[in-house]
Amino acid sequence: MTLDLGGKLGGVPELTIEPLRPEHAEPLRTLRDTPEVARWWEPAAPGWPLDAEPEIEKRVLLVDGEIAGYLQFFEEPDPRNRYADVDIFLGPAHIGRGLGSEALRMIVRELTEERGHHRITLWTSPENERAIRCYEGLGFRRVGVTRRSELSHVTGEWEDELFMELVV
């Protein structure tokens, strides 16, 4: 799945989303350990991202062939409660360039048009203002905040989470 972003990023870069492969693991771990990502994503388990999680679809974001970030999603299999839940991060060199929005547009299109979902959900910190602006710009709406529902790996304190959804 490829989307030409034209001149947005200078030149004619290509954003590609592809399935995770073993050679992606070390560069993704390096990106996940950067302060910009580590603030929002807990430290990776030793086998991440190659650990067996059959319920999670794992993807790599590439810009002109360079690993730029990671995206994963879960699909609820119960036909009476069907939805997909997404997570994404970008490496520091790719933040603020519109790539997160484009990657999410692409994956939402796949999840709705190809996989038949009508509802996409995600969770984020209420403090992650950049991400929230991105999500709202794509049509996600705030559903509510769960109070002190996640133990922060940064502060060691229980923190709130913001639940968002996109219904098409």
N, C-alpha and C. Protein backbone atom coordinates (compact mmCIF):
# COMPACT_ATOMS: atom_id res chain seq x y z
N MET A 1 0.86 -1.15 0.00
CA MET A 1 0.00 0.00 0.00
C MET A 1 0.91 1.22 0.00
N THR A 2 0.84 2.06 -1.02
CA THR A 2 1.72 3.21 -1.16
C THR A 2 0.90 4.45 -1.45
N LEU A 3 1.33 5.55 -0.87
CA LEU A 3 0.67 6.83 -1.10
C LEU A 3 1.73 7.85 -1.43
N ASP A 4 1.62 8.51 -2.57
CA ASP A 4 2.56 9.56 -2.95
C ASP A 4 2.14 10.83 -2.25
N LEU A 5 3.04 11.39 -1.44
CA LEU A 5 2.73 12.60 -0.69
C LEU A 5 3.12 13.86 -1.45
N GLY A 6 3.53 13.73 -2.68
CA GLY A 6 3.89 14.90 -3.47
C GLY A 6 5.02 15.67 -2.83
N GLY A 7 4.92 16.99 -2.82
CA GLY A 7 5.99 17.82 -2.30
C GLY A 7 5.91 18.13 -0.82
N LYS A 8 4.99 17.55 -0.10
CA LYS A 8 4.82 17.86 1.32
C LYS A 8 6.11 17.76 2.11
N LEU A 9 6.89 16.75 1.83
CA LEU A 9 8.06 16.50 2.65
C LEU A 9 9.35 16.87 1.93
N GLY A 10 9.25 17.55 0.82
CA GLY A 10 10.44 17.89 0.04
C GLY A 10 10.72 16.77 -0.95
N GLY A 11 10.87 17.08 -2.20
CA GLY A 11 11.07 16.04 -3.20
C GLY A 11 9.77 15.30 -3.42
N VAL A 12 9.88 14.03 -3.74
CA VAL A 12 8.70 13.20 -3.95
C VAL A 12 8.87 11.94 -3.10
N PRO A 13 8.67 12.07 -1.78
CA PRO A 13 8.82 10.90 -0.91
C PRO A 13 7.64 9.96 -1.07
N GLU A 14 7.88 8.73 -0.69
CA GLU A 14 6.86 7.71 -0.77
C GLU A 14 6.66 7.12 0.61
N LEU A 15 5.43 7.18 1.11
CA LEU A 15 5.09 6.53 2.37
C LEU A 15 4.56 5.15 2.04
N THR A 16 5.17 4.14 2.63
CA THR A 16 4.77 2.76 2.40
C THR A 16 4.50 2.11 3.74
N ILE A 17 3.45 1.32 3.80
CA ILE A 17 3.17 0.52 4.99
C ILE A 17 3.29 -0.93 4.57
N GLU A 18 4.15 -1.66 5.27
CA GLU A 18 4.32 -3.06 4.92
C GLU A 18 4.35 -3.92 6.17
N PRO A 19 4.08 -5.21 6.02
CA PRO A 19 4.11 -6.12 7.17
C PRO A 19 5.49 -6.15 7.82
N LEU A 20 5.50 -6.33 9.12
CA LEU A 20 6.73 -6.43 9.89
C LEU A 20 7.54 -7.64 9.43
N ARG A 21 8.83 -7.45 9.26
CA ARG A 21 9.76 -8.53 8.94
C ARG A 21 10.90 -8.52 9.96
N PRO A 22 11.60 -9.63 10.14
CA PRO A 22 12.67 -9.70 11.15
C PRO A 22 13.72 -8.59 11.02
N GLU A 23 14.04 -8.18 9.81
CA GLU A 23 15.07 -7.14 9.65
C GLU A 23 14.60 -5.75 10.12
N HIS A 24 13.30 -5.60 10.37
CA HIS A 24 12.77 -4.34 10.88
C HIS A 24 12.94 -4.20 12.39
N ALA A 25 13.14 -5.32 13.09
CA ALA A 25 13.08 -5.35 14.55
C ALA A 25 14.06 -4.39 15.22
N GLU A 26 15.32 -4.48 14.91
CA GLU A 26 16.31 -3.65 15.60
C GLU A 26 16.11 -2.16 15.32
N PRO A 27 15.89 -1.73 14.07
CA PRO A 27 15.62 -0.30 13.85
C PRO A 27 14.36 0.18 14.58
N LEU A 28 13.33 -0.66 14.67
CA LEU A 28 12.12 -0.26 15.40
C LEU A 28 12.38 -0.15 16.89
N ARG A 29 13.16 -1.07 17.45
CA ARG A 29 13.51 -0.97 18.87
C ARG A 29 14.28 0.33 19.14
N THR A 30 15.18 0.68 18.23
CA THR A 30 15.94 1.92 18.38
C THR A 30 15.01 3.13 18.37
N LEU A 31 14.05 3.16 17.43
CA LEU A 31 13.09 4.26 17.39
C LEU A 31 12.25 4.31 18.66
N ARG A 32 11.82 3.15 19.12
CA ARG A 32 10.95 3.09 20.30
C ARG A 32 11.68 3.58 21.55
N ASP A 33 13.00 3.46 21.58
CA ASP A 33 13.77 3.90 22.73
C ASP A 33 14.09 5.39 22.73
N THR A 34 13.78 6.10 21.65
CA THR A 34 14.05 7.54 21.63
C THR A 34 13.11 8.24 22.61
N PRO A 35 13.56 9.34 23.23
CA PRO A 35 12.71 10.03 24.21
C PRO A 35 11.35 10.45 23.66
N GLU A 36 11.29 10.84 22.39
CA GLU A 36 10.04 11.29 21.80
C GLU A 36 9.01 10.18 21.72
N VAL A 37 9.45 8.96 21.55
CA VAL A 37 8.53 7.82 21.48
C VAL A 37 8.36 7.19 22.87
N ALA A 38 9.46 7.07 23.60
CA ALA A 38 9.43 6.41 24.91
C ALA A 38 8.51 7.11 25.90
N ARG A 39 8.26 8.38 25.72
CA ARG A 39 7.33 9.09 26.62
C ARG A 39 5.93 8.48 26.55
N TRP A 40 5.55 8.02 25.35
CA TRP A 40 4.18 7.56 25.14
C TRP A 40 4.07 6.04 25.04
N TRP A 41 5.16 5.35 24.74
CA TRP A 41 5.14 3.89 24.59
C TRP A 41 6.03 3.30 25.67
N GLU A 42 5.49 2.36 26.43
CA GLU A 42 6.28 1.72 27.48
C GLU A 42 7.47 0.98 26.86
N PRO A 43 8.51 0.70 27.67
CA PRO A 43 9.66 -0.02 27.13
C PRO A 43 9.24 -1.35 26.50
N ALA A 44 9.90 -1.68 25.44
CA ALA A 44 9.57 -2.90 24.70
C ALA A 44 9.96 -4.14 25.49
N ALA A 45 9.12 -5.16 25.40
CA ALA A 45 9.45 -6.47 25.96
C ALA A 45 10.64 -7.02 25.18
N PRO A 46 11.40 -7.94 25.76
CA PRO A 46 12.62 -8.42 25.10
C PRO A 46 12.43 -8.91 23.66
N GLY A 47 11.33 -9.53 23.34
CA GLY A 47 11.15 -10.05 21.98
C GLY A 47 10.46 -9.11 21.02
N TRP A 48 10.07 -7.92 21.51
CA TRP A 48 9.32 -7.00 20.67
C TRP A 48 10.19 -6.50 19.53
N PRO A 49 9.65 -6.34 18.34
CA PRO A 49 8.27 -6.51 17.91
C PRO A 49 7.98 -7.88 17.31
N LEU A 50 8.94 -8.79 17.41
CA LEU A 50 8.77 -10.09 16.76
C LEU A 50 8.08 -11.12 17.66
N ASP A 51 7.77 -10.74 18.91
CA ASP A 51 7.13 -11.69 19.80
C ASP A 51 5.77 -12.11 19.22
N ALA A 52 5.39 -13.31 19.55
CA ALA A 52 4.16 -13.88 19.00
C ALA A 52 2.94 -13.22 19.63
N GLU A 53 2.21 -12.50 18.84
CA GLU A 53 0.93 -11.90 19.24
C GLU A 53 0.00 -12.06 18.04
N PRO A 54 -0.54 -13.26 17.87
CA PRO A 54 -1.32 -13.53 16.65
C PRO A 54 -2.54 -12.63 16.46
N GLU A 55 -3.02 -12.04 17.54
CA GLU A 55 -4.19 -11.17 17.42
C GLU A 55 -3.84 -9.75 16.97
N ILE A 56 -2.54 -9.44 16.92
CA ILE A 56 -2.08 -8.10 16.55
C ILE A 56 -1.46 -8.13 15.15
N GLU A 57 -1.93 -7.27 14.28
CA GLU A 57 -1.34 -7.09 12.94
C GLU A 57 -0.28 -5.99 13.07
N LYS A 58 0.96 -6.32 12.74
CA LYS A 58 2.08 -5.40 12.93
C LYS A 58 2.59 -4.92 11.58
N ARG A 59 2.77 -3.60 11.47
CA ARG A 59 3.21 -2.99 10.21
C ARG A 59 4.35 -2.01 10.46
N VAL A 60 5.14 -1.79 9.43
CA VAL A 60 6.25 -0.85 9.47
C VAL A 60 5.93 0.30 8.52
N LEU A 61 6.24 1.52 8.95
CA LEU A 61 6.06 2.70 8.11
C LEU A 61 7.42 3.04 7.51
N LEU A 62 7.47 3.13 6.19
CA LEU A 62 8.71 3.45 5.49
C LEU A 62 8.51 4.73 4.69
N VAL A 63 9.51 5.60 4.71
CA VAL A 63 9.53 6.80 3.87
C VAL A 63 10.75 6.67 2.98
N ASP A 64 10.49 6.60 1.68
CA ASP A 64 11.55 6.38 0.70
C ASP A 64 12.45 5.20 1.11
N GLY A 65 11.81 4.15 1.64
CA GLY A 65 12.53 2.94 2.00
C GLY A 65 13.15 2.96 3.39
N GLU A 66 13.15 4.10 4.08
CA GLU A 66 13.73 4.22 5.42
C GLU A 66 12.64 3.97 6.46
N ILE A 67 12.97 3.20 7.50
CA ILE A 67 12.01 2.94 8.56
C ILE A 67 11.72 4.23 9.30
N ALA A 68 10.45 4.63 9.29
CA ALA A 68 10.02 5.89 9.88
C ALA A 68 9.15 5.68 11.11
N GLY A 69 8.57 4.49 11.26
CA GLY A 69 7.68 4.27 12.39
C GLY A 69 7.03 2.90 12.36
N TYR A 70 6.05 2.75 13.19
CA TYR A 70 5.40 1.46 13.44
C TYR A 70 3.91 1.68 13.62
N LEU A 71 3.13 0.73 13.17
CA LEU A 71 1.68 0.77 13.32
C LEU A 71 1.21 -0.65 13.60
N GLN A 72 0.28 -0.77 14.52
CA GLN A 72 -0.32 -2.08 14.80
C GLN A 72 -1.81 -1.91 14.97
N PHE A 73 -2.53 -3.00 14.72
CA PHE A 73 -3.96 -2.96 14.99
C PHE A 73 -4.46 -4.33 15.41
N PHE A 74 -5.57 -4.29 16.13
CA PHE A 74 -6.28 -5.46 16.60
C PHE A 74 -7.68 -5.40 16.00
N GLU A 75 -8.19 -6.54 15.56
CA GLU A 75 -9.55 -6.60 15.03
C GLU A 75 -10.39 -7.50 15.92
N GLU A 76 -11.44 -6.94 16.47
CA GLU A 76 -12.38 -7.73 17.29
C GLU A 76 -13.07 -8.72 16.38
N PRO A 77 -12.95 -10.02 16.67
CA PRO A 77 -13.53 -11.02 15.77
C PRO A 77 -15.04 -11.27 15.97
N ASP A 78 -15.59 -10.86 17.11
CA ASP A 78 -17.02 -11.08 17.37
C ASP A 78 -17.85 -10.22 16.41
N PRO A 79 -18.63 -10.84 15.53
CA PRO A 79 -19.38 -10.06 14.54
C PRO A 79 -20.42 -9.12 15.15
N ARG A 80 -20.82 -9.36 16.39
CA ARG A 80 -21.79 -8.47 17.04
C ARG A 80 -21.12 -7.27 17.72
N ASN A 81 -19.80 -7.28 17.79
CA ASN A 81 -19.06 -6.21 18.47
C ASN A 81 -17.82 -5.85 17.65
N ARG A 82 -17.98 -5.82 16.34
CA ARG A 82 -16.83 -5.70 15.44
C ARG A 82 -16.27 -4.27 15.42
N TYR A 83 -14.94 -4.16 15.58
CA TYR A 83 -14.21 -2.90 15.49
C TYR A 83 -12.74 -3.23 15.32
N ALA A 84 -11.94 -2.21 15.01
CA ALA A 84 -10.49 -2.36 14.98
C ALA A 84 -9.90 -1.27 15.87
N ASP A 85 -8.84 -1.60 16.58
CA ASP A 85 -8.15 -0.66 17.46
C ASP A 85 -6.73 -0.47 16.94
N VAL A 86 -6.28 0.77 16.80
CA VAL A 86 -4.98 1.05 16.20
C VAL A 86 -4.04 1.74 17.18
N ASP A 87 -2.74 1.54 16.97
CA ASP A 87 -1.64 2.21 17.68
C ASP A 87 -0.60 2.59 16.65
N ILE A 88 0.07 3.72 16.87
CA ILE A 88 1.08 4.17 15.92
C ILE A 88 2.16 4.97 16.64
N PHE A 89 3.39 4.88 16.14
CA PHE A 89 4.41 5.85 16.54
C PHE A 89 5.31 6.13 15.34
N LEU A 90 5.89 7.33 15.38
CA LEU A 90 6.87 7.76 14.38
C LEU A 90 8.17 8.08 15.08
N GLY A 91 9.29 7.82 14.40
CA GLY A 91 10.58 8.22 14.92
C GLY A 91 10.71 9.74 14.91
N PRO A 92 11.60 10.29 15.72
CA PRO A 92 11.72 11.74 15.87
C PRO A 92 11.95 12.50 14.56
N ALA A 93 12.68 11.94 13.64
CA ALA A 93 12.96 12.63 12.37
C ALA A 93 11.71 12.76 11.50
N HIS A 94 10.67 12.04 11.83
CA HIS A 94 9.47 12.02 10.98
C HIS A 94 8.24 12.64 11.64
N ILE A 95 8.40 13.12 12.87
CA ILE A 95 7.30 13.75 13.59
C ILE A 95 7.06 15.15 13.02
N GLY A 96 5.79 15.53 12.90
CA GLY A 96 5.44 16.87 12.46
C GLY A 96 5.51 17.08 10.96
N ARG A 97 5.56 16.01 10.20
CA ARG A 97 5.67 16.10 8.74
C ARG A 97 4.41 15.60 8.03
N GLY A 98 3.37 15.28 8.79
CA GLY A 98 2.13 14.81 8.18
C GLY A 98 2.10 13.31 7.93
N LEU A 99 3.16 12.61 8.28
CA LEU A 99 3.24 11.18 8.02
C LEU A 99 2.27 10.36 8.87
N GLY A 100 2.12 10.75 10.13
CA GLY A 100 1.19 10.02 10.99
C GLY A 100 -0.23 10.09 10.46
N SER A 101 -0.64 11.28 10.04
CA SER A 101 -1.98 11.45 9.46
C SER A 101 -2.14 10.61 8.21
N GLU A 102 -1.14 10.65 7.33
CA GLU A 102 -1.23 9.88 6.09
C GLU A 102 -1.25 8.39 6.35
N ALA A 103 -0.42 7.93 7.28
CA ALA A 103 -0.40 6.50 7.61
C ALA A 103 -1.74 6.06 8.19
N LEU A 104 -2.30 6.86 9.07
CA LEU A 104 -3.60 6.51 9.65
C LEU A 104 -4.70 6.54 8.60
N ARG A 105 -4.67 7.52 7.69
CA ARG A 105 -5.65 7.54 6.60
C ARG A 105 -5.58 6.23 5.81
N MET A 106 -4.36 5.80 5.52
CA MET A 106 -4.18 4.59 4.73
C MET A 106 -4.72 3.36 5.47
N ILE A 107 -4.41 3.26 6.76
CA ILE A 107 -4.83 2.07 7.50
C ILE A 107 -6.33 2.11 7.77
N VAL A 108 -6.90 3.29 8.00
CA VAL A 108 -8.35 3.39 8.18
C VAL A 108 -9.04 2.97 6.89
N ARG A 109 -8.50 3.39 5.75
CA ARG A 109 -9.06 2.98 4.46
C ARG A 109 -9.03 1.47 4.32
N GLU A 110 -7.90 0.85 4.67
CA GLU A 110 -7.81 -0.61 4.58
C GLU A 110 -8.81 -1.28 5.53
N LEU A 111 -8.88 -0.79 6.75
CA LEU A 111 -9.75 -1.41 7.75
C LEU A 111 -11.23 -1.26 7.41
N THR A 112 -11.60 -0.15 6.80
CA THR A 112 -13.02 0.07 6.47
C THR A 112 -13.38 -0.52 5.11
N GLU A 113 -12.59 -0.21 4.10
CA GLU A 113 -12.95 -0.63 2.74
C GLU A 113 -12.61 -2.09 2.44
N GLU A 114 -11.49 -2.57 2.96
CA GLU A 114 -11.06 -3.93 2.63
C GLU A 114 -11.44 -4.96 3.70
N ARG A 115 -11.50 -4.54 4.95
CA ARG A 115 -11.74 -5.48 6.04
C ARG A 115 -13.13 -5.33 6.65
N GLY A 116 -13.90 -4.36 6.18
CA GLY A 116 -15.31 -4.26 6.56
C GLY A 116 -15.62 -3.66 7.91
N HIS A 117 -14.69 -2.92 8.52
CA HIS A 117 -14.98 -2.30 9.81
C HIS A 117 -15.72 -0.99 9.59
N HIS A 118 -16.61 -0.67 10.53
CA HIS A 118 -17.30 0.61 10.50
C HIS A 118 -16.86 1.49 11.67
N ARG A 119 -16.05 0.92 12.56
CA ARG A 119 -15.63 1.63 13.77
C ARG A 119 -14.16 1.34 14.05
N ILE A 120 -13.37 2.42 14.21
CA ILE A 120 -11.95 2.32 14.53
C ILE A 120 -11.75 3.04 15.85
N THR A 121 -11.03 2.42 16.78
CA THR A 121 -10.80 3.02 18.09
C THR A 121 -9.31 3.17 18.35
N LEU A 122 -8.99 4.01 19.34
CA LEU A 122 -7.62 4.14 19.81
C LEU A 122 -7.63 4.74 21.20
N TRP A 123 -6.52 4.58 21.89
CA TRP A 123 -6.31 5.11 23.24
C TRP A 123 -5.04 5.95 23.21
N THR A 124 -5.07 7.07 23.91
CA THR A 124 -3.88 7.90 24.02
C THR A 124 -3.90 8.64 25.35
N SER A 125 -2.79 9.22 25.70
CA SER A 125 -2.74 10.05 26.89
C SER A 125 -3.45 11.37 26.61
N PRO A 126 -4.25 11.87 27.56
CA PRO A 126 -4.86 13.18 27.37
C PRO A 126 -3.82 14.29 27.23
N GLU A 127 -2.58 14.02 27.62
CA GLU A 127 -1.50 15.00 27.51
C GLU A 127 -0.81 14.97 26.14
N ASN A 128 -1.12 13.98 25.32
CA ASN A 128 -0.46 13.85 24.02
C ASN A 128 -1.19 14.72 22.99
N GLU A 129 -1.04 16.03 23.14
CA GLU A 129 -1.81 16.99 22.36
C GLU A 129 -1.55 16.87 20.85
N ARG A 130 -0.30 16.64 20.46
CA ARG A 130 0.01 16.52 19.03
C ARG A 130 -0.75 15.35 18.42
N ALA A 131 -0.75 14.21 19.10
CA ALA A 131 -1.45 13.03 18.59
C ALA A 131 -2.96 13.28 18.54
N ILE A 132 -3.49 13.90 19.57
CA ILE A 132 -4.94 14.16 19.62
C ILE A 132 -5.35 15.06 18.46
N ARG A 133 -4.56 16.10 18.17
CA ARG A 133 -4.86 16.98 17.03
C ARG A 133 -4.86 16.18 15.73
N CYS A 134 -3.89 15.29 15.59
CA CYS A 134 -3.81 14.43 14.39
C CYS A 134 -5.07 13.57 14.29
N TYR A 135 -5.43 12.90 15.36
CA TYR A 135 -6.59 12.00 15.35
C TYR A 135 -7.87 12.77 15.05
N GLU A 136 -8.04 13.91 15.71
CA GLU A 136 -9.26 14.70 15.48
C GLU A 136 -9.30 15.22 14.04
N GLY A 137 -8.16 15.56 13.48
CA GLY A 137 -8.10 16.01 12.10
C GLY A 137 -8.54 14.94 11.11
N LEU A 138 -8.44 13.69 11.52
CA LEU A 138 -8.87 12.57 10.69
C LEU A 138 -10.32 12.16 10.95
N GLY A 139 -10.96 12.83 11.90
CA GLY A 139 -12.36 12.52 12.17
C GLY A 139 -12.61 11.71 13.43
N PHE A 140 -11.56 11.33 14.16
CA PHE A 140 -11.77 10.63 15.43
C PHE A 140 -12.38 11.63 16.41
N ARG A 141 -13.24 11.12 17.27
CA ARG A 141 -13.81 12.00 18.29
C ARG A 141 -13.51 11.44 19.67
N ARG A 142 -13.46 12.34 20.62
CA ARG A 142 -13.21 11.95 22.01
C ARG A 142 -14.47 11.28 22.56
N VAL A 143 -14.30 10.09 23.09
CA VAL A 143 -15.43 9.38 23.69
C VAL A 143 -15.44 9.62 25.19
N GLY A 144 -14.28 9.55 25.80
CA GLY A 144 -14.21 9.77 27.24
C GLY A 144 -12.83 9.47 27.78
N VAL A 145 -12.66 9.80 29.04
CA VAL A 145 -11.39 9.59 29.72
C VAL A 145 -11.59 8.55 30.81
N THR A 146 -10.74 7.56 30.82
CA THR A 146 -10.75 6.59 31.90
C THR A 146 -9.75 7.10 32.94
N ARG A 147 -10.19 7.24 34.15
CA ARG A 147 -9.38 7.85 35.21
C ARG A 147 -8.41 6.85 35.82
N ARG A 148 -7.16 7.30 35.92
CA ARG A 148 -6.10 6.52 36.56
C ARG A 148 -6.15 5.06 36.14
N SER A 149 -6.17 4.83 34.84
CA SER A 149 -6.38 3.48 34.30
C SER A 149 -5.11 2.82 33.77
N GLU A 150 -4.02 3.59 33.66
CA GLU A 150 -2.78 3.01 33.14
C GLU A 150 -1.62 3.43 34.03
N LEU A 151 -0.81 2.45 34.43
CA LEU A 151 0.36 2.73 35.24
C LEU A 151 1.46 3.25 34.33
N SER A 152 1.89 4.48 34.55
CA SER A 152 2.90 5.11 33.71
C SER A 152 4.28 4.52 33.97
N HIS A 153 4.95 4.12 32.90
CA HIS A 153 6.32 3.65 33.02
C HIS A 153 7.29 4.82 33.23
N VAL A 154 6.83 6.05 32.99
CA VAL A 154 7.66 7.24 33.16
C VAL A 154 7.60 7.75 34.59
N THR A 155 6.37 7.93 35.10
CA THR A 155 6.20 8.53 36.43
C THR A 155 5.99 7.50 37.53
N GLY A 156 5.59 6.29 37.16
CA GLY A 156 5.26 5.27 38.17
C GLY A 156 3.91 5.51 38.82
N GLU A 157 3.17 6.49 38.30
CA GLU A 157 1.85 6.84 38.83
C GLU A 157 0.76 6.34 37.89
N TRP A 158 -0.44 6.16 38.44
CA TRP A 158 -1.59 5.83 37.62
C TRP A 158 -2.02 7.08 36.87
N GLU A 159 -2.21 6.96 35.55
CA GLU A 159 -2.57 8.10 34.71
C GLU A 159 -3.85 7.82 33.93
N ASP A 160 -4.47 8.91 33.49
CA ASP A 160 -5.69 8.81 32.70
C ASP A 160 -5.37 8.41 31.27
N GLU A 161 -6.37 7.86 30.60
CA GLU A 161 -6.27 7.55 29.17
C GLU A 161 -7.49 8.15 28.46
N LEU A 162 -7.27 8.65 27.27
CA LEU A 162 -8.33 9.19 26.45
C LEU A 162 -8.73 8.14 25.42
N PHE A 163 -10.01 7.81 25.37
CA PHE A 163 -10.53 6.86 24.40
C PHE A 163 -11.16 7.65 23.26
N MET A 164 -10.78 7.31 22.02
CA MET A 164 -11.28 8.00 20.83
C MET A 164 -11.79 6.97 19.84
N GLU A 165 -12.72 7.41 18.97
CA GLU A 165 -13.25 6.51 17.94
C GLU A 165 -13.57 7.27 16.67
N LEU A 166 -13.54 6.53 15.59
CA LEU A 166 -13.97 7.01 14.29
C LEU A 166 -15.03 6.05 13.80
N VAL A 167 -16.23 6.55 13.55
CA VAL A 167 -17.32 5.71 13.06
C VAL A 167 -17.64 6.18 11.65
N VAL A 168 -17.61 5.22 10.71
CA VAL A 168 -17.87 5.58 9.30
C VAL A 168 -19.17 4.96 8.84
